[in-house]
Each structure stands twice: as structure tokens, then as C-alpha cells.
Amino acid sequence: MSPPDPAPTRAAYRKAEVVKADLLHATVELLAERPAGQVTVRAIAERAGVQHSMVARHFGSKAELIAAAVESVASRYATVVASASDPAEGFVLGLQHLRDSPTTALVLAAPAAVRGGGDEHERFPGFAAHLRAMLDAGQPDDERTKVLAGLSISLVIAWSAMRDIAVDAAGLDRDDLDLVDELAAEMLAGMVRSQLRDDSSGA
């Protein structure tokens, strides 16, 4: 007589907050790997190791999950920017953060439609973090300040994406990366500081 079939194994229980964190992490990873339109509920669930019904249970919909995932990335980036002593250093710290967390750059650069929201602070969180820092430092809330914030965050994200290509194109060794990063940070900070206006000058 053959032995009875073993009882089916059950997936290890995970608390709700752990499942939510796993879904957020999986969504961020997938947004960094493929266009948002190709990030499906099934792919998110498989990456997180849960049933796809968990997306609706914990977030309501895929759109809400994606919005929450982007917000988690943006919040960490904004914290880094806010820790700077001045707006120019904020861009440098942002550059370093994106170097250490490449997925952040890809998620922040995702199409605005993915992020949702009704204004630039919700649709462009990287831009919003730097604009807030500039306004807090006394820069006027005008078009010029917004252009400077937008241009600078674009350079930060572009450099994060092109850094390795630039190093290879220049024929540099990987040992030179620290020097390259230092020069990029100096150039970025110098550009921003040269464009910031001193209110006492009436500029």
C-alpha cells in the first residue's frame, strides 16, 4: 500500500504591513525595469510572492499601488534634499542618492501620467522637492525659479542615467568614478549657486 500523499504546503503567513511593503518594493523594481503600461498586477504579485488579489485588498487598484510606490520613492528623495544646508547642496545630495539608488532615478523619471496628481508637486516629485528647498531658502516663487529647479533636476537625473556611458566614452577607468562624481557635483553646485538670486541685491 502506497503512503498517503503529503498534505499541501501553505505559504508562510505574512502580516499585512509586510505584504504591503513587499508589494511596494516589487512595484518600484518593476517600474525601473519596464514601461508602466507593462507593469501588470500579476507581475507585481509574482515579484512580491503573493496572490494578485492582495493588490486590491491592500491598495484598491494597480493605479493606487503605483502611486503609493512612487510616493515612497519620492518621499525618501525629498528627505535627502531637505537635509542639505542650501539648495545647491540639495542637488548634490540628490545626485549622490541617485548614484547609490539607481531605481530612484528611473522611477522619478517615469512619465507624469504614471504618477497622477493634479499639480507639479504630485506629478513631478523630484522637481517639487528642489523647488520647495529653493523657496524655503528665500528664492522668489516665480517662473525663473521653477525653470532653474526643473533644469537642475533634469541634469541630476540625466547624469545618473548617463554616468557610466560618459566614463566609458572618455576612456576612463572605473577607478576614476569618484573623481568623475566629484567633478559632476562641483559643476552642478556651481551652476545652481551662480543662478540663485540674493534678495538683498534686489535682483
C-alpha atoms as a PDB file:
ATOM      1  CA  MET A   1       0.000   0.000   0.000  1.00  0.00           C
ATOM      2  CA  SER A   2       1.478   3.299  -1.077  1.00  0.00           C
ATOM      3  CA  PRO A   3       1.945   6.028   1.514  1.00  0.00           C
ATOM      4  CA  PRO A   4      -0.635   8.829   1.528  1.00  0.00           C
ATOM      5  CA  ASP A   5       0.108  11.981  -0.405  1.00  0.00           C
ATOM      6  CA  PRO A   6       1.742  14.668   1.718  1.00  0.00           C
ATOM      7  CA  ALA A   7      -0.514  17.476   2.852  1.00  0.00           C
ATOM      8  CA  PRO A   8      -0.264  20.533   0.574  1.00  0.00           C
ATOM      9  CA  THR A   9       2.108  23.152   1.872  1.00  0.00           C
ATOM     10  CA  ARG A  10       0.799  26.587   2.694  1.00  0.00           C
ATOM     11  CA  ALA A  11       2.627  29.816   2.026  1.00  0.00           C
ATOM     12  CA  ALA A  12       4.200  31.295   5.114  1.00  0.00           C
ATOM     13  CA  TYR A  13       1.930  33.818   6.783  1.00  0.00           C
ATOM     14  CA  ARG A  14       2.946  37.433   6.397  1.00  0.00           C
ATOM     15  CA  LYS A  15       1.486  40.316   8.321  1.00  0.00           C
ATOM     16  CA  ALA A  16      -0.477  42.888   6.348  1.00  0.00           C
ATOM     17  CA  GLU A  17       2.209  45.554   6.705  1.00  0.00           C
ATOM     18  CA  VAL A  18       4.830  43.115   5.401  1.00  0.00           C
ATOM     19  CA  VAL A  19       2.680  42.241   2.371  1.00  0.00           C
ATOM     20  CA  LYS A  20       2.128  45.937   1.648  1.00  0.00           C
ATOM     21  CA  ALA A  21       5.850  46.637   1.895  1.00  0.00           C
ATOM     22  CA  ASP A  22       6.627  43.705  -0.418  1.00  0.00           C
ATOM     23  CA  LEU A  23       4.079  44.937  -2.965  1.00  0.00           C
ATOM     24  CA  LEU A  24       5.542  48.447  -2.871  1.00  0.00           C
ATOM     25  CA  HIS A  25       9.076  47.147  -3.279  1.00  0.00           C
ATOM     26  CA  ALA A  26       8.070  44.881  -6.175  1.00  0.00           C
ATOM     27  CA  THR A  27       6.273  47.756  -7.908  1.00  0.00           C
ATOM     28  CA  VAL A  28       9.274  50.068  -7.618  1.00  0.00           C
ATOM     29  CA  GLU A  29      11.532  47.376  -9.079  1.00  0.00           C
ATOM     30  CA  LEU A  30       9.187  46.742 -11.998  1.00  0.00           C
ATOM     31  CA  LEU A  31       8.752  50.460 -12.750  1.00  0.00           C
ATOM     32  CA  ALA A  32      12.530  50.670 -13.019  1.00  0.00           C
ATOM     33  CA  GLU A  33      12.634  47.728 -15.432  1.00  0.00           C
ATOM     34  CA  ARG A  34       9.809  48.366 -17.879  1.00  0.00           C
ATOM     35  CA  PRO A  35       7.264  50.945 -19.054  1.00  0.00           C
ATOM     36  CA  ALA A  36       4.455  51.457 -16.579  1.00  0.00           C
ATOM     37  CA  GLY A  37       1.913  50.118 -19.049  1.00  0.00           C
ATOM     38  CA  GLN A  38       3.712  46.774 -18.929  1.00  0.00           C
ATOM     39  CA  VAL A  39       3.654  46.592 -15.141  1.00  0.00           C
ATOM     40  CA  THR A  40       0.713  44.278 -14.514  1.00  0.00           C
ATOM     41  CA  VAL A  41      -0.999  43.237 -11.306  1.00  0.00           C
ATOM     42  CA  ARG A  42       0.071  39.666 -11.951  1.00  0.00           C
ATOM     43  CA  ALA A  43       3.719  40.679 -12.434  1.00  0.00           C
ATOM     44  CA  ILE A  44       3.677  42.718  -9.223  1.00  0.00           C
ATOM     45  CA  ALA A  45       2.127  39.868  -7.260  1.00  0.00           C
ATOM     46  CA  GLU A  46       4.592  37.320  -8.635  1.00  0.00           C
ATOM     47  CA  ARG A  47       7.535  39.562  -7.769  1.00  0.00           C
ATOM     48  CA  ALA A  48       6.170  40.115  -4.267  1.00  0.00           C
ATOM     49  CA  GLY A  49       5.384  36.423  -3.814  1.00  0.00           C
ATOM     50  CA  VAL A  50       1.686  36.928  -3.057  1.00  0.00           C
ATOM     51  CA  GLN A  51      -1.669  36.288  -4.698  1.00  0.00           C
ATOM     52  CA  HIS A  52      -2.709  39.030  -7.112  1.00  0.00           C
ATOM     53  CA  SER A  53      -5.876  39.629  -5.060  1.00  0.00           C
ATOM     54  CA  MET A  54      -3.596  41.199  -2.425  1.00  0.00           C
ATOM     55  CA  VAL A  55      -3.164  44.269  -4.642  1.00  0.00           C
ATOM     56  CA  ALA A  56      -6.867  45.108  -4.469  1.00  0.00           C
ATOM     57  CA  ARG A  57      -7.078  44.169  -0.801  1.00  0.00           C
ATOM     58  CA  HIS A  58      -4.267  46.449   0.327  1.00  0.00           C
ATOM     59  CA  PHE A  59      -4.284  49.242  -2.269  1.00  0.00           C
ATOM     60  CA  GLY A  60      -7.618  49.161  -4.053  1.00  0.00           C
ATOM     61  CA  SER A  61      -6.196  49.132  -7.575  1.00  0.00           C
ATOM     62  CA  LYS A  62      -2.993  48.922  -9.569  1.00  0.00           C
ATOM     63  CA  ALA A  63      -3.067  52.670 -10.155  1.00  0.00           C
ATOM     64  CA  GLU A  64      -3.238  53.363  -6.432  1.00  0.00           C
ATOM     65  CA  LEU A  65      -0.410  50.904  -5.763  1.00  0.00           C
ATOM     66  CA  ILE A  66       1.794  52.556  -8.389  1.00  0.00           C
ATOM     67  CA  ALA A  67       1.023  55.983  -6.947  1.00  0.00           C
ATOM     68  CA  ALA A  68       1.950  54.751  -3.460  1.00  0.00           C
ATOM     69  CA  ALA A  69       5.170  53.180  -4.746  1.00  0.00           C
ATOM     70  CA  VAL A  70       6.246  56.377  -6.478  1.00  0.00           C
ATOM     71  CA  GLU A  71       5.348  58.390  -3.379  1.00  0.00           C
ATOM     72  CA  SER A  72       7.566  56.140  -1.233  1.00  0.00           C
ATOM     73  CA  VAL A  73      10.497  56.747  -3.570  1.00  0.00           C
ATOM     74  CA  ALA A  74       9.796  60.477  -3.799  1.00  0.00           C
ATOM     75  CA  SER A  75       9.497  60.793  -0.027  1.00  0.00           C
ATOM     76  CA  ARG A  76      12.953  59.314   0.524  1.00  0.00           C
ATOM     77  CA  TYR A  77      14.383  61.604  -2.149  1.00  0.00           C
ATOM     78  CA  ALA A  78      12.711  64.662  -0.600  1.00  0.00           C
ATOM     79  CA  THR A  79      14.167  63.768   2.803  1.00  0.00           C
ATOM     80  CA  VAL A  80      17.648  63.703   1.293  1.00  0.00           C
ATOM     81  CA  VAL A  81      17.138  67.081  -0.397  1.00  0.00           C
ATOM     82  CA  ALA A  82      15.728  68.641   2.780  1.00  0.00           C
ATOM     83  CA  SER A  83      18.835  67.610   4.742  1.00  0.00           C
ATOM     84  CA  ALA A  84      21.043  69.953   2.668  1.00  0.00           C
ATOM     85  CA  SER A  85      22.362  73.237   4.017  1.00  0.00           C
ATOM     86  CA  ASP A  86      21.344  75.125   0.848  1.00  0.00           C
ATOM     87  CA  PRO A  87      19.539  74.443  -2.445  1.00  0.00           C
ATOM     88  CA  ALA A  88      22.761  73.812  -4.383  1.00  0.00           C
ATOM     89  CA  GLU A  89      23.881  71.165  -1.901  1.00  0.00           C
ATOM     90  CA  GLY A  90      20.406  69.653  -2.218  1.00  0.00           C
ATOM     91  CA  PHE A  91      21.076  68.894  -5.868  1.00  0.00           C
ATOM     92  CA  VAL A  92      24.465  67.404  -4.987  1.00  0.00           C
ATOM     93  CA  LEU A  93      22.928  65.173  -2.325  1.00  0.00           C
ATOM     94  CA  GLY A  94      20.240  64.221  -4.802  1.00  0.00           C
ATOM     95  CA  LEU A  95      22.916  63.274  -7.310  1.00  0.00           C
ATOM     96  CA  GLN A  96      24.639  61.090  -4.740  1.00  0.00           C
ATOM     97  CA  HIS A  97      21.349  59.489  -3.700  1.00  0.00           C
ATOM     98  CA  LEU A  98      20.505  58.550  -7.280  1.00  0.00           C
ATOM     99  CA  ARG A  99      24.009  57.154  -7.747  1.00  0.00           C
ATOM    100  CA  ASP A 100      23.503  54.892  -4.750  1.00  0.00           C
ATOM    101  CA  SER A 101      19.895  54.044  -5.680  1.00  0.00           C
ATOM    102  CA  PRO A 102      19.599  53.839  -9.482  1.00  0.00           C
ATOM    103  CA  THR A 103      15.982  52.679  -9.335  1.00  0.00           C
ATOM    104  CA  THR A 104      15.061  56.025  -7.770  1.00  0.00           C
ATOM    105  CA  ALA A 105      16.199  57.902 -10.872  1.00  0.00           C
ATOM    106  CA  LEU A 106      14.202  55.639 -13.162  1.00  0.00           C
ATOM    107  CA  VAL A 107      11.030  55.959 -11.083  1.00  0.00           C
ATOM    108  CA  LEU A 108      11.354  59.748 -10.723  1.00  0.00           C
ATOM    109  CA  ALA A 109      11.839  59.989 -14.490  1.00  0.00           C
ATOM    110  CA  ALA A 110       8.719  57.927 -15.218  1.00  0.00           C
ATOM    111  CA  PRO A 111       6.030  59.656 -17.300  1.00  0.00           C
ATOM    112  CA  ALA A 112       3.942  62.111 -15.300  1.00  0.00           C
ATOM    113  CA  ALA A 113       0.779  60.197 -16.183  1.00  0.00           C
ATOM    114  CA  VAL A 114       2.065  57.270 -14.113  1.00  0.00           C
ATOM    115  CA  ARG A 115       2.378  59.394 -11.014  1.00  0.00           C
ATOM    116  CA  GLY A 116      -1.031  61.040 -11.220  1.00  0.00           C
ATOM    117  CA  GLY A 117      -1.882  64.083  -9.171  1.00  0.00           C
ATOM    118  CA  GLY A 118      -3.225  67.461 -10.103  1.00  0.00           C
ATOM    119  CA  ASP A 119      -0.186  69.734  -9.796  1.00  0.00           C
ATOM    120  CA  GLU A 120       3.557  69.652 -10.342  1.00  0.00           C
ATOM    121  CA  HIS A 121       4.225  68.720  -6.721  1.00  0.00           C
ATOM    122  CA  GLU A 122       2.378  65.426  -7.182  1.00  0.00           C
ATOM    123  CA  ARG A 123       3.274  64.723 -10.803  1.00  0.00           C
ATOM    124  CA  PHE A 124       6.957  65.695 -10.570  1.00  0.00           C
ATOM    125  CA  PRO A 125       8.083  64.866  -7.005  1.00  0.00           C
ATOM    126  CA  GLY A 126      11.809  65.323  -7.641  1.00  0.00           C
ATOM    127  CA  PHE A 127      11.214  68.779  -9.059  1.00  0.00           C
ATOM    128  CA  ALA A 128       8.861  69.605  -6.185  1.00  0.00           C
ATOM    129  CA  ALA A 129      11.446  68.668  -3.541  1.00  0.00           C
ATOM    130  CA  HIS A 130      14.037  71.013  -5.019  1.00  0.00           C
ATOM    131  CA  LEU A 131      11.577  73.817  -5.680  1.00  0.00           C
ATOM    132  CA  ARG A 132      10.458  73.634  -2.054  1.00  0.00           C
ATOM    133  CA  ALA A 133      14.077  73.865  -0.889  1.00  0.00           C
ATOM    134  CA  MET A 134      14.685  76.886  -3.107  1.00  0.00           C
ATOM    135  CA  LEU A 135      11.578  78.689  -1.893  1.00  0.00           C
ATOM    136  CA  ASP A 136      12.427  77.885   1.729  1.00  0.00           C
ATOM    137  CA  ALA A 137      15.839  79.453   1.126  1.00  0.00           C
ATOM    138  CA  GLY A 138      14.184  82.717   0.089  1.00  0.00           C
ATOM    139  CA  GLN A 139      14.087  82.403  -3.684  1.00  0.00           C
ATOM    140  CA  PRO A 140      11.076  84.142  -5.278  1.00  0.00           C
ATOM    141  CA  ASP A 141       8.138  81.962  -6.297  1.00  0.00           C
ATOM    142  CA  ASP A 142       8.303  82.833  -9.983  1.00  0.00           C
ATOM    143  CA  GLU A 143       8.869  81.225 -13.356  1.00  0.00           C
ATOM    144  CA  ARG A 144      12.640  81.693 -13.259  1.00  0.00           C
ATOM    145  CA  THR A 145      12.968  79.761 -10.010  1.00  0.00           C
ATOM    146  CA  LYS A 146      10.777  76.977 -11.387  1.00  0.00           C
ATOM    147  CA  VAL A 147      12.845  76.778 -14.558  1.00  0.00           C
ATOM    148  CA  LEU A 148      16.059  76.568 -12.540  1.00  0.00           C
ATOM    149  CA  ALA A 149      14.616  73.786 -10.372  1.00  0.00           C
ATOM    150  CA  GLY A 150      13.351  71.892 -13.420  1.00  0.00           C
ATOM    151  CA  LEU A 151      16.583  72.265 -15.380  1.00  0.00           C
ATOM    152  CA  SER A 152      18.715  71.199 -12.437  1.00  0.00           C
ATOM    153  CA  ILE A 153      16.693  68.093 -11.550  1.00  0.00           C
ATOM    154  CA  SER A 154      16.757  67.154 -15.251  1.00  0.00           C
ATOM    155  CA  LEU A 155      20.563  67.331 -15.175  1.00  0.00           C
ATOM    156  CA  VAL A 156      20.653  65.257 -11.993  1.00  0.00           C
ATOM    157  CA  ILE A 157      18.510  62.504 -13.490  1.00  0.00           C
ATOM    158  CA  ALA A 158      20.275  62.645 -16.863  1.00  0.00           C
ATOM    159  CA  TRP A 159      23.703  62.347 -15.251  1.00  0.00           C
ATOM    160  CA  SER A 160      22.528  59.391 -13.181  1.00  0.00           C
ATOM    161  CA  ALA A 161      21.420  57.656 -16.374  1.00  0.00           C
ATOM    162  CA  MET A 162      24.463  58.620 -18.477  1.00  0.00           C
ATOM    163  CA  ARG A 163      27.250  58.403 -15.875  1.00  0.00           C
ATOM    164  CA  ASP A 164      28.666  55.032 -16.919  1.00  0.00           C
ATOM    165  CA  ILE A 165      28.363  55.883 -20.615  1.00  0.00           C
ATOM    166  CA  ALA A 166      30.250  59.154 -20.084  1.00  0.00           C
ATOM    167  CA  VAL A 167      33.026  57.357 -18.227  1.00  0.00           C
ATOM    168  CA  ASP A 168      33.378  54.769 -20.992  1.00  0.00           C
ATOM    169  CA  ALA A 169      33.263  57.416 -23.736  1.00  0.00           C
ATOM    170  CA  ALA A 170      36.080  59.335 -22.035  1.00  0.00           C
ATOM    171  CA  GLY A 171      38.175  56.174 -21.841  1.00  0.00           C
ATOM    172  CA  LEU A 172      38.365  56.376 -18.059  1.00  0.00           C
ATOM    173  CA  ASP A 173      38.820  53.510 -15.656  1.00  0.00           C
ATOM    174  CA  ARG A 174      36.230  52.547 -13.086  1.00  0.00           C
ATOM    175  CA  ASP A 175      38.770  53.673 -10.503  1.00  0.00           C
ATOM    176  CA  ASP A 176      38.147  57.216 -11.767  1.00  0.00           C
ATOM    177  CA  LEU A 177      34.435  57.170 -10.854  1.00  0.00           C
ATOM    178  CA  ASP A 178      34.936  59.008  -7.575  1.00  0.00           C
ATOM    179  CA  LEU A 179      36.768  61.809  -9.384  1.00  0.00           C
ATOM    180  CA  VAL A 180      34.078  61.957 -12.048  1.00  0.00           C
ATOM    181  CA  ASP A 181      31.336  62.161  -9.430  1.00  0.00           C
ATOM    182  CA  GLU A 182      33.213  64.873  -7.562  1.00  0.00           C
ATOM    183  CA  LEU A 183      33.598  66.980 -10.706  1.00  0.00           C
ATOM    184  CA  ALA A 184      29.948  66.478 -11.666  1.00  0.00           C
ATOM    185  CA  ALA A 185      28.853  67.573  -8.193  1.00  0.00           C
ATOM    186  CA  GLU A 186      31.085  70.653  -8.270  1.00  0.00           C
ATOM    187  CA  MET A 187      29.808  71.680 -11.691  1.00  0.00           C
ATOM    188  CA  LEU A 188      26.168  71.186 -10.710  1.00  0.00           C
ATOM    189  CA  ALA A 189      26.522  73.079  -7.424  1.00  0.00           C
ATOM    190  CA  GLY A 190      28.420  75.888  -9.142  1.00  0.00           C
ATOM    191  CA  MET A 191      25.760  76.257 -11.813  1.00  0.00           C
ATOM    192  CA  VAL A 192      22.924  76.369  -9.285  1.00  0.00           C
ATOM    193  CA  ARG A 193      24.696  78.827  -6.961  1.00  0.00           C
ATOM    194  CA  SER A 194      25.505  81.111  -9.881  1.00  0.00           C
ATOM    195  CA  GLN A 195      21.807  81.323 -10.730  1.00  0.00           C
ATOM    196  CA  LEU A 196      20.364  81.755  -7.244  1.00  0.00           C
ATOM    197  CA  ARG A 197      19.321  85.322  -6.514  1.00  0.00           C
ATOM    198  CA  ASP A 198      20.277  87.281  -3.434  1.00  0.00           C
ATOM    199  CA  ASP A 199      17.131  89.088  -2.287  1.00  0.00           C
ATOM    200  CA  SER A 200      19.227  91.771  -0.635  1.00  0.00           C
ATOM    201  CA  SER A 201      20.529  92.811  -4.035  1.00  0.00           C
ATOM    202  CA  GLY A 202      17.035  93.407  -5.357  1.00  0.00           C
ATOM    203  CA  ALA A 203      17.771  91.097  -8.278  1.00  0.00           C
END
